[in-house]
PDB file of N, CA and C in Angstrom:
ATOM      1  N   MET A   1     -11.712  42.486  65.479  1.00  0.00           N
ATOM      2  CA  MET A   1     -11.027  43.321  66.457  1.00  0.00           C
ATOM      3  C   MET A   1     -10.396  42.392  67.493  1.00  0.00           C
ATOM      4  N   ASP A   2      -9.076  42.541  67.676  1.00  0.00           N
ATOM      5  CA  ASP A   2      -8.429  41.705  68.681  1.00  0.00           C
ATOM      6  C   ASP A   2      -8.588  42.328  70.065  1.00  0.00           C
ATOM      7  N   VAL A   3      -8.066  41.656  71.078  1.00  0.00           N
ATOM      8  CA  VAL A   3      -8.271  42.107  72.458  1.00  0.00           C
ATOM      9  C   VAL A   3      -7.649  43.475  72.686  1.00  0.00           C
ATOM     10  N   LEU A   4      -6.425  43.692  72.176  1.00  0.00           N
ATOM     11  CA  LEU A   4      -5.768  44.982  72.367  1.00  0.00           C
ATOM     12  C   LEU A   4      -6.583  46.105  71.735  1.00  0.00           C
ATOM     13  N   GLU A   5      -7.065  45.881  70.516  1.00  0.00           N
ATOM     14  CA  GLU A   5      -7.904  46.891  69.869  1.00  0.00           C
ATOM     15  C   GLU A   5      -9.180  47.116  70.673  1.00  0.00           C
ATOM     16  N   SER A   6      -9.739  46.049  71.227  1.00  0.00           N
ATOM     17  CA  SER A   6     -10.948  46.175  72.039  1.00  0.00           C
ATOM     18  C   SER A   6     -10.683  47.007  73.283  1.00  0.00           C
ATOM     19  N   VAL A   7      -9.523  46.786  73.907  1.00  0.00           N
ATOM     20  CA  VAL A   7      -9.169  47.544  75.109  1.00  0.00           C
ATOM     21  C   VAL A   7      -9.003  49.013  74.767  1.00  0.00           C
ATOM     22  N   GLU A   8      -8.286  49.298  73.679  1.00  0.00           N
ATOM     23  CA  GLU A   8      -8.076  50.688  73.271  1.00  0.00           C
ATOM     24  C   GLU A   8      -9.408  51.343  72.919  1.00  0.00           C
ATOM     25  N   HIS A   9     -10.260  50.623  72.210  1.00  0.00           N
ATOM     26  CA  HIS A   9     -11.579  51.149  71.854  1.00  0.00           C
ATOM     27  C   HIS A   9     -12.404  51.378  73.113  1.00  0.00           C
ATOM     28  N   GLY A  10     -12.348  50.432  74.031  1.00  0.00           N
ATOM     29  CA  GLY A  10     -13.099  50.558  75.279  1.00  0.00           C
ATOM     30  C   GLY A  10     -12.653  51.760  76.082  1.00  0.00           C
ATOM     31  N   ALA A  11     -11.339  51.974  76.161  1.00  0.00           N
ATOM     32  CA  ALA A  11     -10.814  53.109  76.920  1.00  0.00           C
ATOM     33  C   ALA A  11     -11.232  54.427  76.283  1.00  0.00           C
ATOM     34  N   ALA A  12     -11.137  54.510  74.968  1.00  0.00           N
ATOM     35  CA  ALA A  12     -11.532  55.735  74.268  1.00  0.00           C
ATOM     36  C   ALA A  12     -13.026  55.982  74.433  1.00  0.00           C
ATOM     37  N   LEU A  13     -13.803  54.928  74.326  1.00  0.00           N
ATOM     38  CA  LEU A  13     -15.250  55.054  74.480  1.00  0.00           C
ATOM     39  C   LEU A  13     -15.606  55.506  75.890  1.00  0.00           C
ATOM     40  N   ARG A  14     -14.928  54.939  76.882  1.00  0.00           N
ATOM     41  CA  ARG A  14     -15.190  55.329  78.269  1.00  0.00           C
ATOM     42  C   ARG A  14     -14.872  56.806  78.482  1.00  0.00           C
ATOM     43  N   ARG A  15     -13.747  57.267  77.948  1.00  0.00           N
ATOM     44  CA  ARG A  15     -13.385  58.684  78.100  1.00  0.00           C
ATOM     45  C   ARG A  15     -14.418  59.593  77.441  1.00  0.00           C
ATOM     46  N   LEU A  16     -14.864  59.218  76.243  1.00  0.00           N
ATOM     47  CA  LEU A  16     -15.873  60.015  75.545  1.00  0.00           C
ATOM     48  C   LEU A  16     -17.163  60.085  76.350  1.00  0.00           C
ATOM     49  N   ILE A  17     -17.594  58.951  76.882  1.00  0.00           N
ATOM     50  CA  ILE A  17     -18.833  58.919  77.657  1.00  0.00           C
ATOM     51  C   ILE A  17     -18.686  59.728  78.934  1.00  0.00           C
ATOM     52  N   GLU A  18     -17.515  59.644  79.577  1.00  0.00           N
ATOM     53  CA  GLU A  18     -17.304  60.435  80.789  1.00  0.00           C
ATOM     54  C   GLU A  18     -17.330  61.925  80.481  1.00  0.00           C
ATOM     55  N   LEU A  19     -16.773  62.324  79.347  1.00  0.00           N
ATOM     56  CA  LEU A  19     -16.833  63.734  78.943  1.00  0.00           C
ATOM     57  C   LEU A  19     -18.280  64.163  78.730  1.00  0.00           C
ATOM     58  N   ARG A  20     -19.043  63.310  78.060  1.00  0.00           N
ATOM     59  CA  ARG A  20     -20.458  63.621  77.839  1.00  0.00           C
ATOM     60  C   ARG A  20     -21.203  63.698  79.165  1.00  0.00           C
ATOM     61  N   TYR A  21     -20.861  62.798  80.084  1.00  0.00           N
ATOM     62  CA  TYR A  21     -21.532  62.758  81.378  1.00  0.00           C
ATOM     63  C   TYR A  21     -21.316  64.062  82.135  1.00  0.00           C
ATOM     64  N   HIS A  22     -20.118  64.618  82.034  1.00  0.00           N
ATOM     65  CA  HIS A  22     -19.800  65.834  82.776  1.00  0.00           C
ATOM     66  C   HIS A  22     -20.225  67.105  82.039  1.00  0.00           C
ATOM     67  N   SER A  23     -20.709  66.952  80.824  1.00  0.00           N
ATOM     68  CA  SER A  23     -21.151  68.113  80.060  1.00  0.00           C
ATOM     69  C   SER A  23     -22.605  68.425  80.393  1.00  0.00           C
ATOM     70  N   ARG A  24     -22.887  69.694  80.598  1.00  0.00           N
ATOM     71  CA  ARG A  24     -24.274  70.067  80.909  1.00  0.00           C
ATOM     72  C   ARG A  24     -25.165  69.990  79.677  1.00  0.00           C
ATOM     73  N   TRP A  25     -24.560  69.799  78.506  1.00  0.00           N
ATOM     74  CA  TRP A  25     -25.339  69.781  77.263  1.00  0.00           C
ATOM     75  C   TRP A  25     -25.846  68.392  76.907  1.00  0.00           C
ATOM     76  N   PHE A  26     -25.321  67.375  77.550  1.00  0.00           N
ATOM     77  CA  PHE A  26     -25.702  66.014  77.185  1.00  0.00           C
ATOM     78  C   PHE A  26     -26.223  65.248  78.390  1.00  0.00           C
ATOM     79  N   ARG A  27     -27.113  64.326  78.116  1.00  0.00           N
ATOM     80  CA  ARG A  27     -27.545  63.373  79.133  1.00  0.00           C
ATOM     81  C   ARG A  27     -27.207  61.979  78.608  1.00  0.00           C
ATOM     82  N   LEU A  28     -26.780  61.118  79.526  1.00  0.00           N
ATOM     83  CA  LEU A  28     -26.464  59.754  79.116  1.00  0.00           C
ATOM     84  C   LEU A  28     -27.735  59.011  78.735  1.00  0.00           C
ATOM     85  N   THR A  29     -27.667  58.288  77.648  1.00  0.00           N
ATOM     86  CA  THR A  29     -28.769  57.415  77.250  1.00  0.00           C
ATOM     87  C   THR A  29     -28.493  56.019  77.804  1.00  0.00           C
ATOM     88  N   GLN A  30     -29.473  55.148  77.707  1.00  0.00           N
ATOM     89  CA  GLN A  30     -29.255  53.765  78.146  1.00  0.00           C
ATOM     90  C   GLN A  30     -28.154  53.113  77.325  1.00  0.00           C
ATOM     91  N   ALA A  31     -28.078  53.441  76.033  1.00  0.00           N
ATOM     92  CA  ALA A  31     -27.017  52.881  75.189  1.00  0.00           C
ATOM     93  C   ALA A  31     -25.648  53.350  75.670  1.00  0.00           C
ATOM     94  N   ASP A  32     -25.552  54.623  76.065  1.00  0.00           N
ATOM     95  CA  ASP A  32     -24.289  55.137  76.604  1.00  0.00           C
ATOM     96  C   ASP A  32     -23.897  54.377  77.859  1.00  0.00           C
ATOM     97  N   GLU A  33     -24.873  54.135  78.727  1.00  0.00           N
ATOM     98  CA  GLU A  33     -24.584  53.432  79.978  1.00  0.00           C
ATOM     99  C   GLU A  33     -24.122  52.002  79.712  1.00  0.00           C
ATOM    100  N   ARG A  34     -24.771  51.326  78.761  1.00  0.00           N
ATOM    101  CA  ARG A  34     -24.352  49.962  78.409  1.00  0.00           C
ATOM    102  C   ARG A  34     -22.946  49.979  77.810  1.00  0.00           C
ATOM    103  N   ALA A  35     -22.662  50.971  76.974  1.00  0.00           N
ATOM    104  CA  ALA A  35     -21.336  51.083  76.364  1.00  0.00           C
ATOM    105  C   ALA A  35     -20.278  51.337  77.426  1.00  0.00           C
ATOM    106  N   HIS A  36     -20.619  52.130  78.428  1.00  0.00           N
ATOM    107  CA  HIS A  36     -19.664  52.416  79.502  1.00  0.00           C
ATOM    108  C   HIS A  36     -19.352  51.148  80.285  1.00  0.00           C
ATOM    109  N   VAL A  37     -20.378  50.368  80.609  1.00  0.00           N
ATOM    110  CA  VAL A  37     -20.168  49.103  81.322  1.00  0.00           C
ATOM    111  C   VAL A  37     -19.290  48.182  80.484  1.00  0.00           C
ATOM    112  N   PHE A  38     -19.560  48.112  79.185  1.00  0.00           N
ATOM    113  CA  PHE A  38     -18.754  47.284  78.286  1.00  0.00           C
ATOM    114  C   PHE A  38     -17.298  47.746  78.304  1.00  0.00           C
ATOM    115  N   ALA A  39     -17.075  49.058  78.211  1.00  0.00           N
ATOM    116  CA  ALA A  39     -15.718  49.604  78.175  1.00  0.00           C
ATOM    117  C   ALA A  39     -14.971  49.301  79.467  1.00  0.00           C
ATOM    118  N   VAL A  40     -15.630  49.474  80.592  1.00  0.00           N
ATOM    119  CA  VAL A  40     -14.993  49.201  81.881  1.00  0.00           C
ATOM    120  C   VAL A  40     -14.679  47.713  82.009  1.00  0.00           C
ATOM    121  N   ASN A  41     -15.591  46.854  81.570  1.00  0.00           N
ATOM    122  CA  ASN A  41     -15.356  45.409  81.637  1.00  0.00           C
ATOM    123  C   ASN A  41     -14.159  45.004  80.787  1.00  0.00           C
ATOM    124  N   ILE A  42     -14.052  45.570  79.591  1.00  0.00           N
ATOM    125  CA  ILE A  42     -12.928  45.259  78.698  1.00  0.00           C
ATOM    126  C   ILE A  42     -11.615  45.675  79.357  1.00  0.00           C
ATOM    127  N   GLU A  43     -11.583  46.882  79.908  1.00  0.00           N
ATOM    128  CA  GLU A  43     -10.356  47.365  80.549  1.00  0.00           C
ATOM    129  C   GLU A  43     -10.002  46.513  81.766  1.00  0.00           C
ATOM    130  N   ASP A  44     -10.995  46.179  82.568  1.00  0.00           N
ATOM    131  CA  ASP A  44     -10.762  45.376  83.765  1.00  0.00           C
ATOM    132  C   ASP A  44     -10.229  44.004  83.387  1.00  0.00           C
ATOM    133  N   CYS A  45     -10.806  43.427  82.364  1.00  0.00           N
ATOM    134  CA  CYS A  45     -10.381  42.114  81.888  1.00  0.00           C
ATOM    135  C   CYS A  45      -8.917  42.169  81.462  1.00  0.00           C
ATOM    136  N   ALA A  46      -8.544  43.183  80.724  1.00  0.00           N
ATOM    137  CA  ALA A  46      -7.163  43.304  80.256  1.00  0.00           C
ATOM    138  C   ALA A  46      -6.217  43.555  81.423  1.00  0.00           C
ATOM    139  N   ASP A  47      -6.659  44.346  82.385  1.00  0.00           N
ATOM    140  CA  ASP A  47      -5.819  44.653  83.538  1.00  0.00           C
ATOM    141  C   ASP A  47      -5.493  43.399  84.341  1.00  0.00           C
ATOM    142  N   ARG A  48      -6.434  42.493  84.435  1.00  0.00           N
ATOM    143  CA  ARG A  48      -6.206  41.275  85.225  1.00  0.00           C
ATOM    144  C   ARG A  48      -5.311  40.284  84.495  1.00  0.00           C
ATOM    145  N   ARG A  49      -5.275  40.384  83.169  1.00  0.00           N
ATOM    146  CA  ARG A  49      -4.419  39.527  82.336  1.00  0.00           C
ATOM    147  C   ARG A  49      -4.602  38.031  82.652  1.00  0.00           C
ATOM    148  N   ILE A  50      -5.825  37.645  82.878  1.00  0.00           N
ATOM    149  CA  ILE A  50      -6.137  36.238  83.132  1.00  0.00           C
ATOM    150  C   ILE A  50      -7.064  35.786  82.013  1.00  0.00           C
ATOM    151  N   GLY A  51      -6.717  34.721  81.340  1.00  0.00           N
ATOM    152  CA  GLY A  51      -7.561  34.266  80.252  1.00  0.00           C
ATOM    153  C   GLY A  51      -7.587  35.297  79.142  1.00  0.00           C
ATOM    154  N   HIS A  52      -8.729  35.456  78.509  1.00  0.00           N
ATOM    155  CA  HIS A  52      -8.878  36.472  77.478  1.00  0.00           C
ATOM    156  C   HIS A  52     -10.311  36.965  77.476  1.00  0.00           C
ATOM    157  N   CYS A  53     -10.529  38.106  76.836  1.00  0.00           N
ATOM    158  CA  CYS A  53     -11.856  38.714  76.810  1.00  0.00           C
ATOM    159  C   CYS A  53     -12.646  38.173  75.632  1.00  0.00           C
ATOM    160  N   ASP A  54     -13.917  37.916  75.836  1.00  0.00           N
ATOM    161  CA  ASP A  54     -14.770  37.608  74.702  1.00  0.00           C
ATOM    162  C   ASP A  54     -15.313  38.926  74.153  1.00  0.00           C
ATOM    163  N   THR A  55     -16.116  38.860  73.114  1.00  0.00           N
ATOM    164  CA  THR A  55     -16.565  40.087  72.456  1.00  0.00           C
ATOM    165  C   THR A  55     -17.534  40.905  73.291  1.00  0.00           C
ATOM    166  N   SER A  56     -18.064  40.355  74.362  1.00  0.00           N
ATOM    167  CA  SER A  56     -18.976  41.123  75.215  1.00  0.00           C
ATOM    168  C   SER A  56     -18.239  41.779  76.374  1.00  0.00           C
ATOM    169  N   GLY A  57     -16.922  41.592  76.440  1.00  0.00           N
ATOM    170  CA  GLY A  57     -16.149  42.199  77.514  1.00  0.00           C
ATOM    171  C   GLY A  57     -16.060  41.340  78.758  1.00  0.00           C
ATOM    172  N   ASN A  58     -16.557  40.110  78.669  1.00  0.00           N
ATOM    173  CA  ASN A  58     -16.490  39.213  79.822  1.00  0.00           C
ATOM    174  C   ASN A  58     -15.196  38.419  79.794  1.00  0.00           C
ATOM    175  N   LEU A  59     -14.706  38.095  80.951  1.00  0.00           N
ATOM    176  CA  LEU A  59     -13.471  37.326  81.060  1.00  0.00           C
ATOM    177  C   LEU A  59     -13.758  35.858  80.826  1.00  0.00           C
ATOM    178  N   GLU A  60     -12.980  35.262  79.931  1.00  0.00           N
ATOM    179  CA  GLU A  60     -13.046  33.820  79.729  1.00  0.00           C
ATOM    180  C   GLU A  60     -11.775  33.228  80.302  1.00  0.00           C
ATOM    181  N   VAL A  61     -11.916  32.231  81.152  1.00  0.00           N
ATOM    182  CA  VAL A  61     -10.738  31.617  81.784  1.00  0.00           C
ATOM    183  C   VAL A  61     -10.279  30.448  80.947  1.00  0.00           C
TER     184      VAL A  61
END
């Protein structure tokens, strides 16, 4: 998965988790919370356009 695919996946994952968060039928699990942090990190990394993202969503300079 390249960086662009990671960003798109991260954004979609974040939206799905936010929908689940706002639904009274679901509760976020720890895995959901970790996935949300990963998705936000990937998007933030891409937004800054500095260096490139590694597979954990961290910025590499």
